[in-house]
All heavy atoms as atom14 arrays in JSON, in Angstrom:
{
  "sequence": "AVLGVAHWGAGLSGLPLAVLVVAAALPSGSNALIFAQ",
  "atom14_mask": [
    [1, 1, 1, 1, 1, 0, 0, 0, 0, 0, 0, 0, 0, 0],
    [1, 1, 1, 1, 1, 1, 1, 0, 0, 0, 0, 0, 0, 0],
    [1, 1, 1, 1, 1, 1, 1, 1, 0, 0, 0, 0, 0, 0],
    [1, 1, 1, 1, 0, 0, 0, 0, 0, 0, 0, 0, 0, 0],
    [1, 1, 1, 1, 1, 1, 1, 0, 0, 0, 0, 0, 0, 0],
    [1, 1, 1, 1, 1, 0, 0, 0, 0, 0, 0, 0, 0, 0],
    [1, 1, 1, 1, 1, 1, 1, 1, 1, 1, 0, 0, 0, 0],
    [1, 1, 1, 1, 1, 1, 1, 1, 1, 1, 1, 1, 1, 1],
    [1, 1, 1, 1, 0, 0, 0, 0, 0, 0, 0, 0, 0, 0],
    [1, 1, 1, 1, 1, 0, 0, 0, 0, 0, 0, 0, 0, 0],
    [1, 1, 1, 1, 0, 0, 0, 0, 0, 0, 0, 0, 0, 0],
    [1, 1, 1, 1, 1, 1, 1, 1, 0, 0, 0, 0, 0, 0],
    [1, 1, 1, 1, 1, 1, 0, 0, 0, 0, 0, 0, 0, 0],
    [1, 1, 1, 1, 0, 0, 0, 0, 0, 0, 0, 0, 0, 0],
    [1, 1, 1, 1, 1, 1, 1, 1, 0, 0, 0, 0, 0, 0],
    [1, 1, 1, 1, 1, 1, 1, 0, 0, 0, 0, 0, 0, 0],
    [1, 1, 1, 1, 1, 1, 1, 1, 0, 0, 0, 0, 0, 0],
    [1, 1, 1, 1, 1, 0, 0, 0, 0, 0, 0, 0, 0, 0],
    [1, 1, 1, 1, 1, 1, 1, 0, 0, 0, 0, 0, 0, 0],
    [1, 1, 1, 1, 1, 1, 1, 1, 0, 0, 0, 0, 0, 0],
    [1, 1, 1, 1, 1, 1, 1, 0, 0, 0, 0, 0, 0, 0],
    [1, 1, 1, 1, 1, 1, 1, 0, 0, 0, 0, 0, 0, 0],
    [1, 1, 1, 1, 1, 0, 0, 0, 0, 0, 0, 0, 0, 0],
    [1, 1, 1, 1, 1, 0, 0, 0, 0, 0, 0, 0, 0, 0],
    [1, 1, 1, 1, 1, 0, 0, 0, 0, 0, 0, 0, 0, 0],
    [1, 1, 1, 1, 1, 1, 1, 1, 0, 0, 0, 0, 0, 0],
    [1, 1, 1, 1, 1, 1, 1, 0, 0, 0, 0, 0, 0, 0],
    [1, 1, 1, 1, 1, 1, 0, 0, 0, 0, 0, 0, 0, 0],
    [1, 1, 1, 1, 0, 0, 0, 0, 0, 0, 0, 0, 0, 0],
    [1, 1, 1, 1, 1, 1, 0, 0, 0, 0, 0, 0, 0, 0],
    [1, 1, 1, 1, 1, 1, 1, 1, 0, 0, 0, 0, 0, 0],
    [1, 1, 1, 1, 1, 0, 0, 0, 0, 0, 0, 0, 0, 0],
    [1, 1, 1, 1, 1, 1, 1, 1, 0, 0, 0, 0, 0, 0],
    [1, 1, 1, 1, 1, 1, 1, 1, 0, 0, 0, 0, 0, 0],
    [1, 1, 1, 1, 1, 1, 1, 1, 1, 1, 1, 0, 0, 0],
    [1, 1, 1, 1, 1, 0, 0, 0, 0, 0, 0, 0, 0, 0],
    [1, 1, 1, 1, 1, 1, 1, 1, 1, 0, 0, 0, 0, 0]
  ],
  "atom14_positions": [
    [[-113.44, -22.02, -1.25], [-113.4, -20.58, -1.48], [-114.28, -19.84, -0.48], [-113.89, -18.8, 0.07], [-113.83, -20.26, -2.92], [0.0, 0.0, 0.0], [0.0, 0.0, 0.0], [0.0, 0.0, 0.0], [0.0, 0.0, 0.0], [0.0, 0.0, 0.0], [0.0, 0.0, 0.0], [0.0, 0.0, 0.0], [0.0, 0.0, 0.0], [0.0, 0.0, 0.0]],
    [[-115.47, -20.37, -0.22], [-116.38, -19.75, 0.74], [-115.77, -19.8, 2.13], [-115.84, -18.8, 2.89], [-117.76, -20.45, 0.72], [-118.63, -19.97, 1.88], [-118.47, -20.18, -0.61], [0.0, 0.0, 0.0], [0.0, 0.0, 0.0], [0.0, 0.0, 0.0], [0.0, 0.0, 0.0], [0.0, 0.0, 0.0], [0.0, 0.0, 0.0], [0.0, 0.0, 0.0]],
    [[-115.16, -20.91, 2.49], [-114.51, -21.03, 3.8], [-113.41, -19.98, 3.94], [-113.31, -19.32, 4.98], [-113.94, -22.43, 3.96], [-113.11, -22.68, 5.23], [-113.98, -22.49, 6.48], [-112.51, -24.09, 5.22], [0.0, 0.0, 0.0], [0.0, 0.0, 0.0], [0.0, 0.0, 0.0], [0.0, 0.0, 0.0], [0.0, 0.0, 0.0], [0.0, 0.0, 0.0]],
    [[-112.59, -19.85, 2.92], [-111.49, -18.89, 2.99], [-111.98, -17.46, 3.15], [-111.48, -16.7, 4.01], [0.0, 0.0, 0.0], [0.0, 0.0, 0.0], [0.0, 0.0, 0.0], [0.0, 0.0, 0.0], [0.0, 0.0, 0.0], [0.0, 0.0, 0.0], [0.0, 0.0, 0.0], [0.0, 0.0, 0.0], [0.0, 0.0, 0.0], [0.0, 0.0, 0.0]],
    [[-112.96, -17.07, 2.35], [-113.46, -15.69, 2.4], [-114.22, -15.45, 3.71], [-114.04, -14.41, 4.37], [-114.37, -15.41, 1.19], [-115.07, -14.06, 1.35], [-113.55, -15.42, -0.1], [0.0, 0.0, 0.0], [0.0, 0.0, 0.0], [0.0, 0.0, 0.0], [0.0, 0.0, 0.0], [0.0, 0.0, 0.0], [0.0, 0.0, 0.0], [0.0, 0.0, 0.0]],
    [[-115.08, -16.39, 4.08], [-115.92, -16.19, 5.25], [-115.12, -16.23, 6.56], [-115.35, -15.41, 7.46], [-117.03, -17.25, 5.28], [0.0, 0.0, 0.0], [0.0, 0.0, 0.0], [0.0, 0.0, 0.0], [0.0, 0.0, 0.0], [0.0, 0.0, 0.0], [0.0, 0.0, 0.0], [0.0, 0.0, 0.0], [0.0, 0.0, 0.0], [0.0, 0.0, 0.0]],
    [[-114.2, -17.18, 6.67], [-113.48, -17.36, 7.94], [-112.29, -16.43, 8.06], [-112.18, -15.65, 9.01], [-113.03, -18.81, 8.06], [-112.37, -19.13, 9.38], [-113.0, -18.92, 10.59], [-111.13, -19.61, 9.67], [-112.19, -19.28, 11.58], [-111.05, -19.69, 11.05], [0.0, 0.0, 0.0], [0.0, 0.0, 0.0], [0.0, 0.0, 0.0], [0.0, 0.0, 0.0]],
    [[-111.38, -16.49, 7.08], [-110.16, -15.69, 7.18], [-110.33, -14.29, 6.61], [-109.55, -13.4, 6.93], [-109.02, -16.42, 6.48], [-108.58, -17.62, 7.25], [-107.82, -17.64, 8.38], [-108.89, -18.99, 6.97], [-107.63, -18.93, 8.82], [-108.28, -19.78, 7.98], [-109.62, -19.63, 5.97], [-108.37, -21.17, 8.0], [-109.72, -21.0, 6.0], [-109.11, -21.76, 7.0]],
    [[-111.34, -14.09, 5.78], [-111.59, -12.76, 5.23], [-112.55, -11.95, 6.07], [-112.25, -10.83, 6.49], [0.0, 0.0, 0.0], [0.0, 0.0, 0.0], [0.0, 0.0, 0.0], [0.0, 0.0, 0.0], [0.0, 0.0, 0.0], [0.0, 0.0, 0.0], [0.0, 0.0, 0.0], [0.0, 0.0, 0.0], [0.0, 0.0, 0.0], [0.0, 0.0, 0.0]],
    [[-113.73, -12.52, 6.34], [-114.77, -11.79, 7.08], [-114.76, -12.1, 8.57], [-115.5, -11.48, 9.33], [-116.14, -12.12, 6.5], [0.0, 0.0, 0.0], [0.0, 0.0, 0.0], [0.0, 0.0, 0.0], [0.0, 0.0, 0.0], [0.0, 0.0, 0.0], [0.0, 0.0, 0.0], [0.0, 0.0, 0.0], [0.0, 0.0, 0.0], [0.0, 0.0, 0.0]],
    [[-113.97, -13.08, 8.99], [-113.87, -13.39, 10.42], [-115.04, -14.16, 10.99], [-115.24, -14.17, 12.2], [0.0, 0.0, 0.0], [0.0, 0.0, 0.0], [0.0, 0.0, 0.0], [0.0, 0.0, 0.0], [0.0, 0.0, 0.0], [0.0, 0.0, 0.0], [0.0, 0.0, 0.0], [0.0, 0.0, 0.0], [0.0, 0.0, 0.0], [0.0, 0.0, 0.0]],
    [[-115.82, -14.82, 10.13], [-116.95, -15.59, 10.62], [-116.48, -16.89, 11.26], [-115.46, -17.47, 10.87], [-117.92, -15.9, 9.47], [-118.65, -14.72, 8.84], [-119.56, -15.22, 7.72], [-119.46, -13.95, 9.87], [0.0, 0.0, 0.0], [0.0, 0.0, 0.0], [0.0, 0.0, 0.0], [0.0, 0.0, 0.0], [0.0, 0.0, 0.0], [0.0, 0.0, 0.0]],
    [[-117.26, -17.37, 12.2], [-116.96, -18.65, 12.86], [-118.26, -19.23, 13.39], [-119.33, -18.61, 13.29], [-115.97, -18.45, 14.01], [-116.5, -17.57, 14.99], [0.0, 0.0, 0.0], [0.0, 0.0, 0.0], [0.0, 0.0, 0.0], [0.0, 0.0, 0.0], [0.0, 0.0, 0.0], [0.0, 0.0, 0.0], [0.0, 0.0, 0.0], [0.0, 0.0, 0.0]],
    [[-118.18, -20.42, 13.94], [-119.35, -21.03, 14.56], [-120.45, -21.35, 13.57], [-120.2, -21.74, 12.42], [0.0, 0.0, 0.0], [0.0, 0.0, 0.0], [0.0, 0.0, 0.0], [0.0, 0.0, 0.0], [0.0, 0.0, 0.0], [0.0, 0.0, 0.0], [0.0, 0.0, 0.0], [0.0, 0.0, 0.0], [0.0, 0.0, 0.0], [0.0, 0.0, 0.0]],
    [[-121.68, -21.13, 14.0], [-122.85, -21.51, 13.21], [-122.93, -20.82, 11.84], [-123.12, -21.5, 10.83], [-124.13, -21.24, 14.02], [-125.44, -21.63, 13.32], [-125.53, -23.14, 13.13], [-126.64, -21.12, 14.13], [0.0, 0.0, 0.0], [0.0, 0.0, 0.0], [0.0, 0.0, 0.0], [0.0, 0.0, 0.0], [0.0, 0.0, 0.0], [0.0, 0.0, 0.0]],
    [[-122.78, -19.49, 11.76], [-122.87, -18.86, 10.43], [-121.86, -19.42, 9.44], [-122.2, -19.67, 8.27], [-122.61, -17.38, 10.73], [-122.98, -17.21, 12.16], [-122.59, -18.5, 12.82], [0.0, 0.0, 0.0], [0.0, 0.0, 0.0], [0.0, 0.0, 0.0], [0.0, 0.0, 0.0], [0.0, 0.0, 0.0], [0.0, 0.0, 0.0], [0.0, 0.0, 0.0]],
    [[-120.63, -19.63, 9.89], [-119.6, -20.18, 9.0], [-119.97, -21.58, 8.54], [-119.85, -21.91, 7.36], [-118.25, -20.21, 9.72], [-117.1, -20.83, 8.93], [-116.77, -19.99, 7.71], [-115.87, -20.99, 9.83], [0.0, 0.0, 0.0], [0.0, 0.0, 0.0], [0.0, 0.0, 0.0], [0.0, 0.0, 0.0], [0.0, 0.0, 0.0], [0.0, 0.0, 0.0]],
    [[-120.42, -22.41, 9.46], [-120.76, -23.79, 9.12], [-121.9, -23.84, 8.11], [-121.86, -24.61, 7.15], [-121.16, -24.55, 10.39], [0.0, 0.0, 0.0], [0.0, 0.0, 0.0], [0.0, 0.0, 0.0], [0.0, 0.0, 0.0], [0.0, 0.0, 0.0], [0.0, 0.0, 0.0], [0.0, 0.0, 0.0], [0.0, 0.0, 0.0], [0.0, 0.0, 0.0]],
    [[-122.92, -22.99, 8.29], [-124.05, -22.98, 7.35], [-123.58, -22.57, 5.96], [-123.98, -23.18, 4.95], [-125.15, -22.03, 7.86], [-126.27, -21.91, 6.82], [-125.73, -22.54, 9.17], [0.0, 0.0, 0.0], [0.0, 0.0, 0.0], [0.0, 0.0, 0.0], [0.0, 0.0, 0.0], [0.0, 0.0, 0.0], [0.0, 0.0, 0.0], [0.0, 0.0, 0.0]],
    [[-122.73, -21.55, 5.88], [-122.25, -21.08, 4.58], [-121.44, -22.15, 3.86], [-121.63, -22.38, 2.65], [-121.39, -19.82, 4.75], [-122.06, -18.55, 5.26], [-121.09, -17.38, 5.15], [-123.33, -18.24, 4.5], [0.0, 0.0, 0.0], [0.0, 0.0, 0.0], [0.0, 0.0, 0.0], [0.0, 0.0, 0.0], [0.0, 0.0, 0.0], [0.0, 0.0, 0.0]],
    [[-120.55, -22.8, 4.57], [-119.67, -23.8, 3.94], [-120.48, -25.02, 3.49], [-120.29, -25.53, 2.37], [-118.54, -24.22, 4.9], [-117.74, -25.38, 4.32], [-117.62, -23.03, 5.18], [0.0, 0.0, 0.0], [0.0, 0.0, 0.0], [0.0, 0.0, 0.0], [0.0, 0.0, 0.0], [0.0, 0.0, 0.0], [0.0, 0.0, 0.0], [0.0, 0.0, 0.0]],
    [[-121.37, -25.49, 4.32], [-122.19, -26.64, 3.94], [-123.09, -26.29, 2.75], [-123.27, -27.1, 1.84], [-123.02, -27.14, 5.14], [-124.03, -28.2, 4.69], [-122.1, -27.73, 6.22], [0.0, 0.0, 0.0], [0.0, 0.0, 0.0], [0.0, 0.0, 0.0], [0.0, 0.0, 0.0], [0.0, 0.0, 0.0], [0.0, 0.0, 0.0], [0.0, 0.0, 0.0]],
    [[-123.63, -25.09, 2.75], [-124.45, -24.65, 1.61], [-123.62, -24.61, 0.34], [-124.09, -24.99, -0.74], [-125.06, -23.28, 1.89], [0.0, 0.0, 0.0], [0.0, 0.0, 0.0], [0.0, 0.0, 0.0], [0.0, 0.0, 0.0], [0.0, 0.0, 0.0], [0.0, 0.0, 0.0], [0.0, 0.0, 0.0], [0.0, 0.0, 0.0], [0.0, 0.0, 0.0]],
    [[-122.38, -24.16, 0.44], [-121.5, -24.1, -0.73], [-121.13, -25.5, -1.22], [-120.85, -25.68, -2.41], [-120.23, -23.32, -0.39], [0.0, 0.0, 0.0], [0.0, 0.0, 0.0], [0.0, 0.0, 0.0], [0.0, 0.0, 0.0], [0.0, 0.0, 0.0], [0.0, 0.0, 0.0], [0.0, 0.0, 0.0], [0.0, 0.0, 0.0], [0.0, 0.0, 0.0]],
    [[-121.12, -26.48, -0.32], [-120.74, -27.85, -0.68], [-121.9, -28.68, -1.21], [-121.7, -29.85, -1.57], [-120.13, -28.55, 0.53], [0.0, 0.0, 0.0], [0.0, 0.0, 0.0], [0.0, 0.0, 0.0], [0.0, 0.0, 0.0], [0.0, 0.0, 0.0], [0.0, 0.0, 0.0], [0.0, 0.0, 0.0], [0.0, 0.0, 0.0], [0.0, 0.0, 0.0]],
    [[-123.09, -28.11, -1.27], [-124.24, -28.86, -1.78], [-124.03, -29.25, -3.24], [-123.36, -28.53, -4.0], [-125.51, -28.01, -1.65], [-126.02, -27.78, -0.23], [-127.09, -26.69, -0.22], [-126.55, -29.07, 0.37], [0.0, 0.0, 0.0], [0.0, 0.0, 0.0], [0.0, 0.0, 0.0], [0.0, 0.0, 0.0], [0.0, 0.0, 0.0], [0.0, 0.0, 0.0]],
    [[-124.59, -30.37, -3.67], [-124.43, -30.8, -5.07], [-125.1, -29.86, -6.04], [-125.92, -29.01, -5.65], [-125.08, -32.19, -5.08], [-126.07, -32.15, -3.95], [-125.42, -31.31, -2.89], [0.0, 0.0, 0.0], [0.0, 0.0, 0.0], [0.0, 0.0, 0.0], [0.0, 0.0, 0.0], [0.0, 0.0, 0.0], [0.0, 0.0, 0.0], [0.0, 0.0, 0.0]],
    [[-124.77, -30.0, -7.31], [-125.36, -29.16, -8.35], [-126.88, -29.29, -8.35], [-127.42, -30.38, -8.22], [-124.8, -29.54, -9.72], [-123.42, -29.3, -9.78], [0.0, 0.0, 0.0], [0.0, 0.0, 0.0], [0.0, 0.0, 0.0], [0.0, 0.0, 0.0], [0.0, 0.0, 0.0], [0.0, 0.0, 0.0], [0.0, 0.0, 0.0], [0.0, 0.0, 0.0]],
    [[-127.55, -28.17, -8.52], [-129.0, -28.17, -8.51], [-129.59, -28.44, -9.89], [-128.91, -28.32, -10.92], [0.0, 0.0, 0.0], [0.0, 0.0, 0.0], [0.0, 0.0, 0.0], [0.0, 0.0, 0.0], [0.0, 0.0, 0.0], [0.0, 0.0, 0.0], [0.0, 0.0, 0.0], [0.0, 0.0, 0.0], [0.0, 0.0, 0.0], [0.0, 0.0, 0.0]],
    [[-130.86, -28.78, -9.9], [-131.52, -29.13, -11.15], [-131.68, -27.93, -12.08], [-131.95, -28.1, -13.27], [-132.9, -29.74, -10.86], [-133.69, -28.87, -10.05], [0.0, 0.0, 0.0], [0.0, 0.0, 0.0], [0.0, 0.0, 0.0], [0.0, 0.0, 0.0], [0.0, 0.0, 0.0], [0.0, 0.0, 0.0], [0.0, 0.0, 0.0], [0.0, 0.0, 0.0]],
    [[-131.5, -26.72, -11.57], [-131.57, -25.55, -12.44], [-130.49, -25.59, -13.52], [-130.66, -24.98, -14.58], [-131.43, -24.27, -11.62], [-132.7, -23.92, -10.87], [-133.75, -23.8, -11.46], [-132.61, -23.8, -9.56], [0.0, 0.0, 0.0], [0.0, 0.0, 0.0], [0.0, 0.0, 0.0], [0.0, 0.0, 0.0], [0.0, 0.0, 0.0], [0.0, 0.0, 0.0]],
    [[-129.39, -26.28, -13.24], [-128.35, -26.41, -14.25], [-128.89, -27.16, -15.47], [-128.62, -26.78, -16.62], [-127.14, -27.14, -13.67], [0.0, 0.0, 0.0], [0.0, 0.0, 0.0], [0.0, 0.0, 0.0], [0.0, 0.0, 0.0], [0.0, 0.0, 0.0], [0.0, 0.0, 0.0], [0.0, 0.0, 0.0], [0.0, 0.0, 0.0], [0.0, 0.0, 0.0]],
    [[-129.63, -28.22, -15.23], [-130.21, -28.99, -16.33], [-131.28, -28.17, -17.05], [-131.39, -28.23, -18.28], [-130.81, -30.3, -15.82], [-131.5, -31.17, -16.86], [-130.57, -31.51, -18.02], [-132.04, -32.45, -16.23], [0.0, 0.0, 0.0], [0.0, 0.0, 0.0], [0.0, 0.0, 0.0], [0.0, 0.0, 0.0], [0.0, 0.0, 0.0], [0.0, 0.0, 0.0]],
    [[-132.06, -27.42, -16.3], [-133.08, -26.59, -16.93], [-132.41, -25.56, -17.85], [-132.9, -25.28, -18.95], [-133.94, -25.89, -15.85], [-134.78, -26.92, -15.1], [-134.85, -24.85, -16.48], [-135.63, -26.33, -14.0], [0.0, 0.0, 0.0], [0.0, 0.0, 0.0], [0.0, 0.0, 0.0], [0.0, 0.0, 0.0], [0.0, 0.0, 0.0], [0.0, 0.0, 0.0]],
    [[-131.28, -25.01, -17.41], [-130.54, -24.08, -18.26], [-130.04, -24.78, -19.52], [-130.13, -24.24, -20.63], [-129.36, -23.5, -17.49], [-129.49, -22.03, -17.21], [-130.35, -21.58, -16.22], [-128.78, -21.1, -17.94], [-130.5, -20.23, -15.97], [-128.91, -19.74, -17.68], [-129.77, -19.31, -16.7], [0.0, 0.0, 0.0], [0.0, 0.0, 0.0], [0.0, 0.0, 0.0]],
    [[-129.48, -25.97, -19.34], [-128.99, -26.73, -20.49], [-130.11, -27.04, -21.46], [-129.95, -26.95, -22.69], [-128.31, -28.02, -20.02], [0.0, 0.0, 0.0], [0.0, 0.0, 0.0], [0.0, 0.0, 0.0], [0.0, 0.0, 0.0], [0.0, 0.0, 0.0], [0.0, 0.0, 0.0], [0.0, 0.0, 0.0], [0.0, 0.0, 0.0], [0.0, 0.0, 0.0]],
    [[-131.27, -27.41, -20.93], [-132.43, -27.69, -21.77], [-132.92, -26.43, -22.47], [-133.31, -26.46, -23.64], [-133.56, -28.28, -20.92], [-133.31, -29.67, -20.39], [-133.63, -30.74, -21.42], [-133.92, -30.44, -22.56], [-133.57, -31.99, -21.02], [0.0, 0.0, 0.0], [0.0, 0.0, 0.0], [0.0, 0.0, 0.0], [0.0, 0.0, 0.0], [0.0, 0.0, 0.0]]
  ]
}
């Protein structure tokens, strides 16, 4: 979804696009467990 919006929607490419997509692909953070707790 981030790739679609950033690349084909906002026209981003290169480094900014790569950083956004990789950040979006990061695994779930521990804050999810803190919320569950």
